[in-house]
């Protein structure tokens, strides 16, 4: 099985960080490759950045690792280009925001999202509504931290995120908190230890759900071949 993790932004260090998380989450026999959108913005912060990333993301479908993938994960919590990629890609495409919400609901939890800046909140709200998960969402909280600041994973960043997670848990009533930025994936264990809260990051969720999708796709193709 081959999974391509596609980063819509141009920051390769962020791709490598997410790739390490994805590979650690992948079961034996699953290969995960990373791709960075060199033509995209340095970070996706708001609708304009997301729209600016789509052209390069679509062009990335022709890169070697992506062409050979059994599944593509869009590694941006805003689920940038998901609709466009699904229309064009040769294989199933999921996104880390979508995967995180789905995982929370499958686990039977009401959730809150802790994200980067305020500009991301309307997009996240729209995505949750479109997926039919609005009734499961207790709150969406902006930490005020830019994406690339989160990626640096400083102690101050962890403290700020921990504070928002605890507010979501104790004041908003969330039974689990979703880490609403791809750059938070590498902080999952530290934040969980600091807050004592069930956390979901979309990179791990994407890999776990992605493997199941590939298995079902392969089973379906085998069954169809047998029928023919």
Foldseek 3Di string as FASTA:
>chain_A
DEEEEEELAQAVLLQVLLQVLLVVLADPPYHYHYYYQNQAHNADQADVRLVSSQVSRLVVCPDDSNVPGQEYEHLWLLCRNQVVCCVRHPHYYYYLVVLQLVVCVVVVWQEEEEEAAPRSVVSSCVVCVVVVNPVSYQYYHHLPHDQVRLLVVDPVNLVSSLVVQLCCVPVSPTQEYEYRGSSCSSVVVVSCVSNVGHYDYRSSSCNVVVVVVSVVVVVVVVVVVVVD
